[in-house]
PDB file of N, CA and C in Angstrom:
ATOM      1  N   MET A   1      21.895 -31.946 124.363  1.00  0.00           N
ATOM      2  CA  MET A   1      23.111 -31.103 124.338  1.00  0.00           C
ATOM      3  C   MET A   1      22.919 -29.977 125.362  1.00  0.00           C
ATOM      4  N   ARG A   2      23.995 -29.809 126.221  1.00  0.00           N
ATOM      5  CA  ARG A   2      23.981 -28.703 127.187  1.00  0.00           C
ATOM      6  C   ARG A   2      24.929 -27.664 126.753  1.00  0.00           C
ATOM      7  N   ASP A   3      24.571 -26.453 127.004  1.00  0.00           N
ATOM      8  CA  ASP A   3      25.506 -25.357 126.692  1.00  0.00           C
ATOM      9  C   ASP A   3      26.087 -24.849 128.006  1.00  0.00           C
ATOM     10  N   ASP A   4      27.256 -25.374 128.417  1.00  0.00           N
ATOM     11  CA  ASP A   4      27.878 -24.936 129.718  1.00  0.00           C
ATOM     12  C   ASP A   4      28.772 -23.762 129.513  1.00  0.00           C
ATOM     13  N   SER A   5      28.948 -23.277 128.290  1.00  0.00           N
ATOM     14  CA  SER A   5      29.891 -22.165 128.091  1.00  0.00           C
ATOM     15  C   SER A   5      29.465 -20.880 128.849  1.00  0.00           C
ATOM     16  N   THR A   6      28.121 -20.605 128.858  1.00  0.00           N
ATOM     17  CA  THR A   6      27.637 -19.388 129.521  1.00  0.00           C
ATOM     18  C   THR A   6      27.866 -19.535 131.060  1.00  0.00           C
ATOM     19  N   ARG A   7      27.549 -20.666 131.594  1.00  0.00           N
ATOM     20  CA  ARG A   7      27.651 -20.882 132.976  1.00  0.00           C
ATOM     21  C   ARG A   7      29.108 -20.828 133.433  1.00  0.00           C
ATOM     22  N   SER A   8      30.040 -21.490 132.744  1.00  0.00           N
ATOM     23  CA  SER A   8      31.426 -21.527 133.148  1.00  0.00           C
ATOM     24  C   SER A   8      32.044 -20.176 132.951  1.00  0.00           C
ATOM     25  N   ASN A   9      31.701 -19.417 131.903  1.00  0.00           N
ATOM     26  CA  ASN A   9      32.253 -18.087 131.732  1.00  0.00           C
ATOM     27  C   ASN A   9      31.775 -17.189 132.858  1.00  0.00           C
ATOM     28  N   GLY A  10      30.516 -17.316 133.231  1.00  0.00           N
ATOM     29  CA  GLY A  10      30.011 -16.451 134.346  1.00  0.00           C
ATOM     30  C   GLY A  10      30.730 -16.785 135.622  1.00  0.00           C
ATOM     31  N   SER A  11      30.942 -18.014 135.942  1.00  0.00           N
ATOM     32  CA  SER A  11      31.627 -18.381 137.208  1.00  0.00           C
ATOM     33  C   SER A  11      33.092 -17.959 137.186  1.00  0.00           C
ATOM     34  N   ARG A  12      33.724 -18.026 136.027  1.00  0.00           N
ATOM     35  CA  ARG A  12      35.130 -17.578 135.921  1.00  0.00           C
ATOM     36  C   ARG A  12      35.269 -16.130 136.125  1.00  0.00           C
ATOM     37  N   ALA A  13      34.279 -15.375 135.643  1.00  0.00           N
ATOM     38  CA  ALA A  13      34.331 -13.917 135.858  1.00  0.00           C
ATOM     39  C   ALA A  13      34.069 -13.557 137.297  1.00  0.00           C
ATOM     40  N   GLU A  14      33.237 -14.381 137.979  1.00  0.00           N
ATOM     41  CA  GLU A  14      32.936 -14.089 139.391  1.00  0.00           C
ATOM     42  C   GLU A  14      34.085 -14.478 140.310  1.00  0.00           C
ATOM     43  N   GLN A  15      34.839 -15.496 139.910  1.00  0.00           N
ATOM     44  CA  GLN A  15      35.863 -15.981 140.801  1.00  0.00           C
ATOM     45  C   GLN A  15      36.919 -14.948 141.177  1.00  0.00           C
ATOM     46  N   PRO A  16      37.505 -14.170 140.256  1.00  0.00           N
ATOM     47  CA  PRO A  16      38.465 -13.134 140.701  1.00  0.00           C
ATOM     48  C   PRO A  16      37.797 -12.085 141.632  1.00  0.00           C
ATOM     49  N   GLN A  17      36.560 -11.773 141.340  1.00  0.00           N
ATOM     50  CA  GLN A  17      35.887 -10.790 142.171  1.00  0.00           C
ATOM     51  C   GLN A  17      35.680 -11.323 143.561  1.00  0.00           C
ATOM     52  N   ARG A  18      35.285 -12.580 143.695  1.00  0.00           N
ATOM     53  CA  ARG A  18      35.129 -13.217 144.993  1.00  0.00           C
ATOM     54  C   ARG A  18      36.429 -13.289 145.753  1.00  0.00           C
ATOM     55  N   GLN A  19      37.539 -13.626 145.033  1.00  0.00           N
ATOM     56  CA  GLN A  19      38.842 -13.647 145.655  1.00  0.00           C
ATOM     57  C   GLN A  19      39.248 -12.293 146.173  1.00  0.00           C
ATOM     58  N   GLU A  20      39.041 -11.245 145.337  1.00  0.00           N
ATOM     59  CA  GLU A  20      39.351  -9.838 145.809  1.00  0.00           C
ATOM     60  C   GLU A  20      38.593  -9.479 147.042  1.00  0.00           C
ATOM     61  N   ARG A  21      37.276  -9.829 147.044  1.00  0.00           N
ATOM     62  CA  ARG A  21      36.438  -9.463 148.191  1.00  0.00           C
ATOM     63  C   ARG A  21      36.934 -10.227 149.441  1.00  0.00           C
ATOM     64  N   GLN A  22      37.339 -11.508 149.297  1.00  0.00           N
ATOM     65  CA  GLN A  22      37.829 -12.215 150.475  1.00  0.00           C
ATOM     66  C   GLN A  22      39.100 -11.614 150.993  1.00  0.00           C
ATOM     67  N   GLU A  23      39.998 -11.229 150.091  1.00  0.00           N
ATOM     68  CA  GLU A  23      41.254 -10.580 150.521  1.00  0.00           C
ATOM     69  C   GLU A  23      41.029  -9.307 151.287  1.00  0.00           C
ATOM     70  N   ARG A  24      40.052  -8.518 150.789  1.00  0.00           N
ATOM     71  CA  ARG A  24      39.709  -7.263 151.444  1.00  0.00           C
ATOM     72  C   ARG A  24      39.081  -7.444 152.800  1.00  0.00           C
ATOM     73  N   GLU A  25      38.233  -8.488 152.913  1.00  0.00           N
ATOM     74  CA  GLU A  25      37.536  -8.763 154.167  1.00  0.00           C
ATOM     75  C   GLU A  25      38.403  -9.451 155.228  1.00  0.00           C
ATOM     76  N   ARG A  26      39.470 -10.112 154.761  1.00  0.00           N
ATOM     77  CA  ARG A  26      40.378 -10.796 155.679  1.00  0.00           C
ATOM     78  C   ARG A  26      41.103  -9.806 156.545  1.00  0.00           C
ATOM     79  N   PRO A  27      41.041  -9.967 157.847  1.00  0.00           N
ATOM     80  CA  PRO A  27      41.735  -9.017 158.723  1.00  0.00           C
ATOM     81  C   PRO A  27      43.276  -9.175 158.512  1.00  0.00           C
ATOM     82  N   PRO A  28      43.995  -8.105 158.724  1.00  0.00           N
ATOM     83  CA  PRO A  28      45.479  -8.245 158.527  1.00  0.00           C
ATOM     84  C   PRO A  28      46.041  -9.125 159.589  1.00  0.00           C
ATOM     85  N   GLN A  29      47.024  -9.914 159.250  1.00  0.00           N
ATOM     86  CA  GLN A  29      47.611 -10.829 160.182  1.00  0.00           C
ATOM     87  C   GLN A  29      48.465 -10.072 161.154  1.00  0.00           C
ATOM     88  N   ARG A  30      48.399 -10.436 162.408  1.00  0.00           N
ATOM     89  CA  ARG A  30      49.188  -9.762 163.445  1.00  0.00           C
ATOM     90  C   ARG A  30      50.398 -10.576 163.763  1.00  0.00           C
ATOM     91  N   LYS A  31      51.596  -9.987 163.613  1.00  0.00           N
ATOM     92  CA  LYS A  31      52.805 -10.712 163.958  1.00  0.00           C
ATOM     93  C   LYS A  31      53.074 -10.529 165.461  1.00  0.00           C
ATOM     94  N   PRO A  32      53.573 -11.556 166.107  1.00  0.00           N
ATOM     95  CA  PRO A  32      53.801 -11.513 167.570  1.00  0.00           C
ATOM     96  C   PRO A  32      54.679 -10.319 167.985  1.00  0.00           C
ATOM     97  N   GLU A  33      55.684  -9.987 167.117  1.00  0.00           N
ATOM     98  CA  GLU A  33      56.616  -8.881 167.540  1.00  0.00           C
ATOM     99  C   GLU A  33      55.927  -7.534 167.482  1.00  0.00           C
ATOM    100  N   SER A  34      54.667  -7.392 166.976  1.00  0.00           N
ATOM    101  CA  SER A  34      54.035  -6.120 166.914  1.00  0.00           C
ATOM    102  C   SER A  34      53.296  -5.778 168.260  1.00  0.00           C
ATOM    103  N   VAL A  35      53.355  -6.679 169.232  1.00  0.00           N
ATOM    104  CA  VAL A  35      52.648  -6.472 170.502  1.00  0.00           C
ATOM    105  C   VAL A  35      53.599  -5.523 171.306  1.00  0.00           C
ATOM    106  N   GLU A  36      53.012  -4.434 171.657  1.00  0.00           N
ATOM    107  CA  GLU A  36      53.778  -3.341 172.386  1.00  0.00           C
ATOM    108  C   GLU A  36      54.178  -3.817 173.783  1.00  0.00           C
ATOM    109  N   VAL A  37      55.309  -3.420 174.175  1.00  0.00           N
ATOM    110  CA  VAL A  37      55.820  -3.810 175.548  1.00  0.00           C
ATOM    111  C   VAL A  37      55.335  -2.750 176.529  1.00  0.00           C
ATOM    112  N   THR A  38      54.299  -3.097 177.272  1.00  0.00           N
ATOM    113  CA  THR A  38      53.747  -2.222 178.284  1.00  0.00           C
ATOM    114  C   THR A  38      53.825  -2.749 179.719  1.00  0.00           C
ATOM    115  N   THR A  39      54.294  -3.999 179.810  1.00  0.00           N
ATOM    116  CA  THR A  39      54.516  -4.620 181.106  1.00  0.00           C
ATOM    117  C   THR A  39      55.870  -5.364 181.074  1.00  0.00           C
ATOM    118  N   PRO A  40      56.359  -5.732 182.177  1.00  0.00           N
ATOM    119  CA  PRO A  40      57.697  -6.502 182.162  1.00  0.00           C
ATOM    120  C   PRO A  40      57.545  -7.873 181.653  1.00  0.00           C
ATOM    121  N   ARG A  41      56.410  -8.394 181.315  1.00  0.00           N
ATOM    122  CA  ARG A  41      56.178  -9.769 180.871  1.00  0.00           C
ATOM    123  C   ARG A  41      56.352  -9.822 179.408  1.00  0.00           C
ATOM    124  N   LEU A  42      57.175 -10.818 178.957  1.00  0.00           N
ATOM    125  CA  LEU A  42      57.468 -10.956 177.523  1.00  0.00           C
ATOM    126  C   LEU A  42      57.076 -12.315 177.016  1.00  0.00           C
ATOM    127  N   TYR A  43      56.668 -12.381 175.718  1.00  0.00           N
ATOM    128  CA  TYR A  43      56.438 -13.599 175.004  1.00  0.00           C
ATOM    129  C   TYR A  43      57.731 -13.907 174.233  1.00  0.00           C
ATOM    130  N   VAL A  44      58.133 -15.168 174.289  1.00  0.00           N
ATOM    131  CA  VAL A  44      59.291 -15.684 173.552  1.00  0.00           C
ATOM    132  C   VAL A  44      58.814 -16.787 172.626  1.00  0.00           C
ATOM    133  N   GLY A  45      58.825 -16.544 171.384  1.00  0.00           N
ATOM    134  CA  GLY A  45      58.342 -17.584 170.410  1.00  0.00           C
ATOM    135  C   GLY A  45      59.480 -18.118 169.512  1.00  0.00           C
ATOM    136  N   ASN A  46      59.128 -19.136 168.780  1.00  0.00           N
ATOM    137  CA  ASN A  46      60.087 -19.828 167.887  1.00  0.00           C
ATOM    138  C   ASN A  46      61.253 -20.390 168.679  1.00  0.00           C
ATOM    139  N   LEU A  47      60.930 -20.831 169.869  1.00  0.00           N
ATOM    140  CA  LEU A  47      61.921 -21.284 170.817  1.00  0.00           C
ATOM    141  C   LEU A  47      62.316 -22.740 170.512  1.00  0.00           C
ATOM    142  N   SER A  48      63.552 -23.049 170.590  1.00  0.00           N
ATOM    143  CA  SER A  48      64.067 -24.411 170.404  1.00  0.00           C
ATOM    144  C   SER A  48      63.333 -25.330 171.390  1.00  0.00           C
ATOM    145  N   PHE A  49      62.926 -26.494 170.962  1.00  0.00           N
ATOM    146  CA  PHE A  49      62.282 -27.479 171.890  1.00  0.00           C
ATOM    147  C   PHE A  49      63.238 -27.965 172.991  1.00  0.00           C
ATOM    148  N   GLU A  50      64.524 -27.751 172.832  1.00  0.00           N
ATOM    149  CA  GLU A  50      65.488 -28.210 173.864  1.00  0.00           C
ATOM    150  C   GLU A  50      65.758 -27.067 174.866  1.00  0.00           C
ATOM    151  N   ALA A  51      65.296 -25.886 174.623  1.00  0.00           N
ATOM    152  CA  ALA A  51      65.602 -24.718 175.508  1.00  0.00           C
ATOM    153  C   ALA A  51      64.924 -24.955 176.868  1.00  0.00           C
ATOM    154  N   THR A  52      65.673 -24.635 177.883  1.00  0.00           N
ATOM    155  CA  THR A  52      65.159 -24.781 179.277  1.00  0.00           C
ATOM    156  C   THR A  52      64.898 -23.417 179.893  1.00  0.00           C
ATOM    157  N   GLU A  53      64.250 -23.419 181.069  1.00  0.00           N
ATOM    158  CA  GLU A  53      64.095 -22.161 181.788  1.00  0.00           C
ATOM    159  C   GLU A  53      65.417 -21.587 182.209  1.00  0.00           C
ATOM    160  N   SER A  54      66.353 -22.413 182.547  1.00  0.00           N
ATOM    161  CA  SER A  54      67.726 -21.982 182.869  1.00  0.00           C
ATOM    162  C   SER A  54      68.400 -21.246 181.700  1.00  0.00           C
ATOM    163  N   ASP A  55      68.204 -21.795 180.490  1.00  0.00           N
ATOM    164  CA  ASP A  55      68.776 -21.165 179.290  1.00  0.00           C
ATOM    165  C   ASP A  55      68.217 -19.780 179.135  1.00  0.00           C
ATOM    166  N   LEU A  56      66.871 -19.651 179.340  1.00  0.00           N
ATOM    167  CA  LEU A  56      66.191 -18.375 179.225  1.00  0.00           C
ATOM    168  C   LEU A  56      66.720 -17.335 180.247  1.00  0.00           C
ATOM    169  N   PHE A  57      66.811 -17.796 181.469  1.00  0.00           N
ATOM    170  CA  PHE A  57      67.392 -17.017 182.593  1.00  0.00           C
ATOM    171  C   PHE A  57      68.729 -16.448 182.158  1.00  0.00           C
ATOM    172  N   GLU A  58      69.581 -17.344 181.692  1.00  0.00           N
ATOM    173  CA  GLU A  58      70.928 -16.912 181.278  1.00  0.00           C
ATOM    174  C   GLU A  58      70.920 -15.905 180.158  1.00  0.00           C
ATOM    175  N   LEU A  59      70.135 -16.174 179.124  1.00  0.00           N
ATOM    176  CA  LEU A  59      70.035 -15.290 177.965  1.00  0.00           C
ATOM    177  C   LEU A  59      69.494 -13.899 178.323  1.00  0.00           C
ATOM    178  N   PHE A  60      68.363 -13.888 179.076  1.00  0.00           N
ATOM    179  CA  PHE A  60      67.770 -12.572 179.326  1.00  0.00           C
ATOM    180  C   PHE A  60      68.426 -11.843 180.418  1.00  0.00           C
ATOM    181  N   ASN A  61      69.168 -12.510 181.330  1.00  0.00           N
ATOM    182  CA  ASN A  61      69.921 -11.807 182.313  1.00  0.00           C
ATOM    183  C   ASN A  61      71.027 -10.926 181.675  1.00  0.00           C
ATOM    184  N   GLY A  62      71.354 -11.210 180.471  1.00  0.00           N
ATOM    185  CA  GLY A  62      72.325 -10.372 179.769  1.00  0.00           C
ATOM    186  C   GLY A  62      71.839  -8.973 179.459  1.00  0.00           C
ATOM    187  N   VAL A  63      70.538  -8.769 179.537  1.00  0.00           N
ATOM    188  CA  VAL A  63      69.913  -7.465 179.202  1.00  0.00           C
ATOM    189  C   VAL A  63      69.254  -6.813 180.397  1.00  0.00           C
ATOM    190  N   GLY A  64      69.029  -7.600 181.481  1.00  0.00           N
ATOM    191  CA  GLY A  64      68.329  -7.045 182.658  1.00  0.00           C
ATOM    192  C   GLY A  64      68.114  -8.165 183.623  1.00  0.00           C
ATOM    193  N   GLN A  65      67.433  -7.831 184.704  1.00  0.00           N
ATOM    194  CA  GLN A  65      67.171  -8.778 185.787  1.00  0.00           C
ATOM    195  C   GLN A  65      65.902  -9.569 185.526  1.00  0.00           C
ATOM    196  N   VAL A  66      66.046 -10.901 185.393  1.00  0.00           N
ATOM    197  CA  VAL A  66      64.914 -11.824 185.151  1.00  0.00           C
ATOM    198  C   VAL A  66      64.244 -12.142 186.468  1.00  0.00           C
ATOM    199  N   GLN A  67      62.909 -11.969 186.546  1.00  0.00           N
ATOM    200  CA  GLN A  67      62.159 -12.358 187.750  1.00  0.00           C
ATOM    201  C   GLN A  67      61.712 -13.838 187.602  1.00  0.00           C
ATOM    202  N   ASN A  68      61.257 -14.171 186.339  1.00  0.00           N
ATOM    203  CA  ASN A  68      60.740 -15.553 186.171  1.00  0.00           C
ATOM    204  C   ASN A  68      60.815 -15.945 184.691  1.00  0.00           C
ATOM    205  N   ALA A  69      61.032 -17.180 184.421  1.00  0.00           N
ATOM    206  CA  ALA A  69      61.035 -17.702 183.018  1.00  0.00           C
ATOM    207  C   ALA A  69      60.266 -19.019 183.038  1.00  0.00           C
ATOM    208  N   GLU A  70      59.286 -19.154 182.105  1.00  0.00           N
ATOM    209  CA  GLU A  70      58.437 -20.357 182.084  1.00  0.00           C
ATOM    210  C   GLU A  70      58.256 -20.806 180.625  1.00  0.00           C
ATOM    211  N   VAL A  71      58.815 -21.973 180.412  1.00  0.00           N
ATOM    212  CA  VAL A  71      58.675 -22.632 179.094  1.00  0.00           C
ATOM    213  C   VAL A  71      57.324 -23.353 179.135  1.00  0.00           C
ATOM    214  N   VAL A  72      56.473 -23.041 178.155  1.00  0.00           N
ATOM    215  CA  VAL A  72      55.129 -23.644 178.145  1.00  0.00           C
ATOM    216  C   VAL A  72      55.268 -25.057 177.558  1.00  0.00           C
ATOM    217  N   THR A  73      54.672 -26.018 178.335  1.00  0.00           N
ATOM    218  CA  THR A  73      54.794 -27.454 177.928  1.00  0.00           C
ATOM    219  C   THR A  73      53.445 -28.102 177.811  1.00  0.00           C
ATOM    220  N   TYR A  74      53.403 -29.206 177.119  1.00  0.00           N
ATOM    221  CA  TYR A  74      52.206 -30.044 177.024  1.00  0.00           C
ATOM    222  C   TYR A  74      52.024 -30.775 178.387  1.00  0.00           C
ATOM    223  N   LYS A  75      50.844 -30.850 178.887  1.00  0.00           N
ATOM    224  CA  LYS A  75      50.555 -31.472 180.184  1.00  0.00           C
ATOM    225  C   LYS A  75      50.905 -32.942 180.203  1.00  0.00           C
ATOM    226  N   HIS A  76      50.529 -33.689 179.114  1.00  0.00           N
ATOM    227  CA  HIS A  76      50.655 -35.146 179.103  1.00  0.00           C
ATOM    228  C   HIS A  76      52.056 -35.645 178.991  1.00  0.00           C
ATOM    229  N   ASN A  77      52.972 -34.880 178.423  1.00  0.00           N
ATOM    230  CA  ASN A  77      54.369 -35.398 178.249  1.00  0.00           C
ATOM    231  C   ASN A  77      55.436 -34.403 178.663  1.00  0.00           C
ATOM    232  N   GLN A  78      55.027 -33.206 179.092  1.00  0.00           N
ATOM    233  CA  GLN A  78      55.983 -32.170 179.548  1.00  0.00           C
ATOM    234  C   GLN A  78      56.975 -31.722 178.454  1.00  0.00           C
ATOM    235  N   ARG A  79      56.662 -31.974 177.175  1.00  0.00           N
ATOM    236  CA  ARG A  79      57.532 -31.440 176.100  1.00  0.00           C
ATOM    237  C   ARG A  79      57.165 -30.030 175.809  1.00  0.00           C
ATOM    238  N   SER A  80      58.160 -29.233 175.445  1.00  0.00           N
ATOM    239  CA  SER A  80      57.947 -27.800 175.126  1.00  0.00           C
ATOM    240  C   SER A  80      57.046 -27.640 173.954  1.00  0.00           C
ATOM    241  N   LYS A  81      56.235 -26.595 174.017  1.00  0.00           N
ATOM    242  CA  LYS A  81      55.404 -26.191 172.889  1.00  0.00           C
ATOM    243  C   LYS A  81      56.103 -25.225 171.942  1.00  0.00           C
ATOM    244  N   GLY A  82      57.352 -24.855 172.343  1.00  0.00           N
ATOM    245  CA  GLY A  82      58.127 -23.992 171.434  1.00  0.00           C
ATOM    246  C   GLY A  82      58.003 -22.476 171.714  1.00  0.00           C
ATOM    247  N   PHE A  83      57.370 -22.180 172.906  1.00  0.00           N
ATOM    248  CA  PHE A  83      57.347 -20.771 173.309  1.00  0.00           C
ATOM    249  C   PHE A  83      57.403 -20.651 174.848  1.00  0.00           C
ATOM    250  N   ALA A  84      57.631 -19.472 175.290  1.00  0.00           N
ATOM    251  CA  ALA A  84      57.801 -19.251 176.769  1.00  0.00           C
ATOM    252  C   ALA A  84      57.405 -17.859 177.150  1.00  0.00           C
ATOM    253  N   PHE A  85      57.385 -17.596 178.351  1.00  0.00           N
ATOM    254  CA  PHE A  85      57.137 -16.278 178.942  1.00  0.00           C
ATOM    255  C   PHE A  85      58.269 -15.909 179.888  1.00  0.00           C
ATOM    256  N   VAL A  86      58.755 -14.679 179.769  1.00  0.00           N
ATOM    257  CA  VAL A  86      59.853 -14.247 180.630  1.00  0.00           C
ATOM    258  C   VAL A  86      59.374 -12.936 181.329  1.00  0.00           C
ATOM    259  N   GLN A  87      59.547 -12.877 182.618  1.00  0.00           N
ATOM    260  CA  GLN A  87      59.173 -11.723 183.414  1.00  0.00           C
ATOM    261  C   GLN A  87      60.395 -10.983 183.803  1.00  0.00           C
ATOM    262  N   MET A  88      60.633  -9.780 183.271  1.00  0.00           N
ATOM    263  CA  MET A  88      61.735  -8.939 183.646  1.00  0.00           C
ATOM    264  C   MET A  88      61.483  -8.105 184.896  1.00  0.00           C
ATOM    265  N   GLN A  89      62.460  -7.443 185.428  1.00  0.00           N
ATOM    266  CA  GLN A  89      62.273  -6.613 186.598  1.00  0.00           C
ATOM    267  C   GLN A  89      61.443  -5.334 186.315  1.00  0.00           C
ATOM    268  N   THR A  90      61.704  -4.699 185.152  1.00  0.00           N
ATOM    269  CA  THR A  90      61.046  -3.445 184.788  1.00  0.00           C
ATOM    270  C   THR A  90      60.551  -3.486 183.327  1.00  0.00           C
ATOM    271  N   VAL A  91      59.662  -2.563 182.948  1.00  0.00           N
ATOM    272  CA  VAL A  91      59.202  -2.419 181.581  1.00  0.00           C
ATOM    273  C   VAL A  91      60.381  -1.999 180.710  1.00  0.00           C
ATOM    274  N   GLU A  92      61.244  -1.152 181.273  1.00  0.00           N
ATOM    275  CA  GLU A  92      62.410  -0.694 180.413  1.00  0.00           C
ATOM    276  C   GLU A  92      63.341  -1.800 180.062  1.00  0.00           C
ATOM    277  N   GLU A  93      63.567  -2.759 180.984  1.00  0.00           N
ATOM    278  CA  GLU A  93      64.399  -3.899 180.752  1.00  0.00           C
ATOM    279  C   GLU A  93      63.728  -4.848 179.723  1.00  0.00           C
ATOM    280  N   ALA A  94      62.368  -4.956 179.854  1.00  0.00           N
ATOM    281  CA  ALA A  94      61.638  -5.781 178.879  1.00  0.00           C
ATOM    282  C   ALA A  94      61.775  -5.173 177.430  1.00  0.00           C
ATOM    283  N   GLN A  95      61.663  -3.846 177.360  1.00  0.00           N
ATOM    284  CA  GLN A  95      61.826  -3.153 176.055  1.00  0.00           C
ATOM    285  C   GLN A  95      63.205  -3.403 175.486  1.00  0.00           C
ATOM    286  N   ARG A  96      64.226  -3.310 176.374  1.00  0.00           N
ATOM    287  CA  ARG A  96      65.589  -3.538 175.927  1.00  0.00           C
ATOM    288  C   ARG A  96      65.812  -4.961 175.456  1.00  0.00           C
ATOM    289  N   ALA A  97      65.120  -5.917 176.150  1.00  0.00           N
ATOM    290  CA  ALA A  97      65.275  -7.331 175.733  1.00  0.00           C
ATOM    291  C   ALA A  97      64.611  -7.543 174.353  1.00  0.00           C
ATOM    292  N   VAL A  98      63.533  -6.925 174.038  1.00  0.00           N
ATOM    293  CA  VAL A  98      62.916  -7.037 172.669  1.00  0.00           C
ATOM    294  C   VAL A  98      63.915  -6.440 171.684  1.00  0.00           C
ATOM    295  N   THR A  99      64.463  -5.259 171.978  1.00  0.00           N
ATOM    296  CA  THR A  99      65.406  -4.652 171.043  1.00  0.00           C
ATOM    297  C   THR A  99      66.633  -5.511 170.751  1.00  0.00           C
ATOM    298  N   GLU A 100      67.135  -6.080 171.802  1.00  0.00           N
ATOM    299  CA  GLU A 100      68.420  -6.872 171.675  1.00  0.00           C
ATOM    300  C   GLU A 100      68.232  -8.279 171.278  1.00  0.00           C
ATOM    301  N   LEU A 101      67.115  -8.932 171.675  1.00  0.00           N
ATOM    302  CA  LEU A 101      67.003 -10.373 171.488  1.00  0.00           C
ATOM    303  C   LEU A 101      66.021 -10.790 170.373  1.00  0.00           C
ATOM    304  N   HIS A 102      65.105  -9.884 169.968  1.00  0.00           N
ATOM    305  CA  HIS A 102      64.201 -10.292 168.858  1.00  0.00           C
ATOM    306  C   HIS A 102      64.989 -10.600 167.635  1.00  0.00           C
ATOM    307  N   ASP A 103      64.732 -11.723 166.995  1.00  0.00           N
ATOM    308  CA  ASP A 103      65.329 -12.132 165.742  1.00  0.00           C
ATOM    309  C   ASP A 103      66.781 -12.631 165.928  1.00  0.00           C
ATOM    310  N   LYS A 104      67.179 -12.835 167.223  1.00  0.00           N
ATOM    311  CA  LYS A 104      68.503 -13.329 167.536  1.00  0.00           C
ATOM    312  C   LYS A 104      68.477 -14.843 167.440  1.00  0.00           C
ATOM    313  N   ASP A 105      69.583 -15.421 166.861  1.00  0.00           N
ATOM    314  CA  ASP A 105      69.704 -16.832 166.808  1.00  0.00           C
ATOM    315  C   ASP A 105      70.001 -17.412 168.200  1.00  0.00           C
ATOM    316  N   PHE A 106      69.207 -18.379 168.625  1.00  0.00           N
ATOM    317  CA  PHE A 106      69.346 -18.958 169.947  1.00  0.00           C
ATOM    318  C   PHE A 106      69.075 -20.480 169.793  1.00  0.00           C
ATOM    319  N   LEU A 107      70.022 -21.291 170.072  1.00  0.00           N
ATOM    320  CA  LEU A 107      69.960 -22.717 169.934  1.00  0.00           C
ATOM    321  C   LEU A 107      69.399 -23.141 168.545  1.00  0.00           C
ATOM    322  N   GLY A 108      69.886 -22.486 167.562  1.00  0.00           N
ATOM    323  CA  GLY A 108      69.530 -22.854 166.198  1.00  0.00           C
ATOM    324  C   GLY A 108      68.288 -22.278 165.598  1.00  0.00           C
ATOM    325  N   ARG A 109      67.562 -21.382 166.336  1.00  0.00           N
ATOM    326  CA  ARG A 109      66.376 -20.798 165.845  1.00  0.00           C
ATOM    327  C   ARG A 109      66.351 -19.295 166.126  1.00  0.00           C
ATOM    328  N   LYS A 110      65.749 -18.545 165.224  1.00  0.00           N
ATOM    329  CA  LYS A 110      65.621 -17.064 165.421  1.00  0.00           C
ATOM    330  C   LYS A 110      64.446 -16.808 166.348  1.00  0.00           C
ATOM    331  N   LEU A 111      64.729 -16.183 167.487  1.00  0.00           N
ATOM    332  CA  LEU A 111      63.722 -15.900 168.485  1.00  0.00           C
ATOM    333  C   LEU A 111      62.711 -14.857 168.046  1.00  0.00           C
ATOM    334  N   VAL A 112      61.478 -14.957 168.506  1.00  0.00           N
ATOM    335  CA  VAL A 112      60.469 -13.897 168.387  1.00  0.00           C
ATOM    336  C   VAL A 112      60.290 -13.419 169.818  1.00  0.00           C
ATOM    337  N   VAL A 113      60.638 -12.169 170.097  1.00  0.00           N
ATOM    338  CA  VAL A 113      60.475 -11.676 171.428  1.00  0.00           C
ATOM    339  C   VAL A 113      59.598 -10.412 171.369  1.00  0.00           C
ATOM    340  N   SER A 114      58.514 -10.398 172.083  1.00  0.00           N
ATOM    341  CA  SER A 114      57.598  -9.286 172.106  1.00  0.00           C
ATOM    342  C   SER A 114      56.890  -9.133 173.460  1.00  0.00           C
ATOM    343  N   GLY A 115      56.099  -8.072 173.603  1.00  0.00           N
ATOM    344  CA  GLY A 115      55.313  -7.968 174.745  1.00  0.00           C
ATOM    345  C   GLY A 115      54.312  -9.066 174.802  1.00  0.00           C
ATOM    346  N   ALA A 116      54.061  -9.568 176.062  1.00  0.00           N
ATOM    347  CA  ALA A 116      53.043 -10.628 176.171  1.00  0.00           C
ATOM    348  C   ALA A 116      51.640  -9.985 176.122  1.00  0.00           C
ATOM    349  N   LYS A 117      50.714 -10.592 175.480  1.00  0.00           N
ATOM    350  CA  LYS A 117      49.340 -10.104 175.433  1.00  0.00           C
ATOM    351  C   LYS A 117      48.755 -10.220 176.808  1.00  0.00           C
ATOM    352  N   SER A 118      48.022  -9.208 177.219  1.00  0.00           N
ATOM    353  CA  SER A 118      47.413  -9.193 178.533  1.00  0.00           C
ATOM    354  C   SER A 118      46.021  -9.816 178.466  1.00  0.00           C
ATOM    355  N   THR A 119      45.717 -10.715 179.405  1.00  0.00           N
ATOM    356  CA  THR A 119      44.399 -11.269 179.494  1.00  0.00           C
ATOM    357  C   THR A 119      43.508 -10.351 180.376  1.00  0.00           C
ATOM    358  N   GLU A 120      44.070  -9.512 181.156  1.00  0.00           N
ATOM    359  CA  GLU A 120      43.324  -8.599 182.011  1.00  0.00           C
ATOM    360  C   GLU A 120      42.507  -7.616 181.170  1.00  0.00           C
ATOM    361  N   HIS A 121      43.134  -7.140 180.048  1.00  0.00           N
ATOM    362  CA  HIS A 121      42.475  -6.083 179.236  1.00  0.00           C
ATOM    363  C   HIS A 121      41.095  -6.475 178.756  1.00  0.00           C
ATOM    364  N   SER A 122      40.978  -7.753 178.257  1.00  0.00           N
ATOM    365  CA  SER A 122      39.683  -8.191 177.679  1.00  0.00           C
ATOM    366  C   SER A 122      38.670  -8.301 178.854  1.00  0.00           C
ATOM    367  N   ASN A 123      39.035  -8.645 180.071  1.00  0.00           N
ATOM    368  CA  ASN A 123      38.117  -8.717 181.144  1.00  0.00           C
ATOM    369  C   ASN A 123      37.661  -7.336 181.597  1.00  0.00           C
ATOM    370  N   SER A 124      38.440  -6.334 181.478  1.00  0.00           N
ATOM    371  CA  SER A 124      38.121  -5.001 181.999  1.00  0.00           C
ATOM    372  C   SER A 124      37.163  -4.317 181.034  1.00  0.00           C
ATOM    373  N   LEU A 125      36.834  -4.853 179.855  1.00  0.00           N
ATOM    374  CA  LEU A 125      35.925  -4.208 178.901  1.00  0.00           C
ATOM    375  C   LEU A 125      34.495  -4.446 179.275  1.00  0.00           C
ATOM    376  N   GLU A 126      34.186  -5.335 180.187  1.00  0.00           N
ATOM    377  CA  GLU A 126      32.776  -5.679 180.562  1.00  0.00           C
ATOM    378  C   GLU A 126      32.166  -4.583 181.324  1.00  0.00           C
TER     379      GLU A 126
END
């Protein structure tokens, strides 16, 4: 005969503590819209897979002058990955675009518009 009651009670008591510790140690999730707009380059997420670069030019030209719009696609079949980058003329126009277009319904989906993360920053830390 085995007495598993002590072992199982001990593990049950440890489980909530372990879960609490994991929740405390887990870094807070960063939402794309929390990226500050410090350059004219914007990230556009939750984009309809049917959206084209022309659609983005048209939409973002309503808030400022668009320099470039690039829908990110898979190399092997050129289908959209559901996000894009839009380059505005100025930082002020980019900030206005976030204010006016973030969470806006566009082609059946609510857009996520935020500042694009800079890859230059991580390289400058060396």
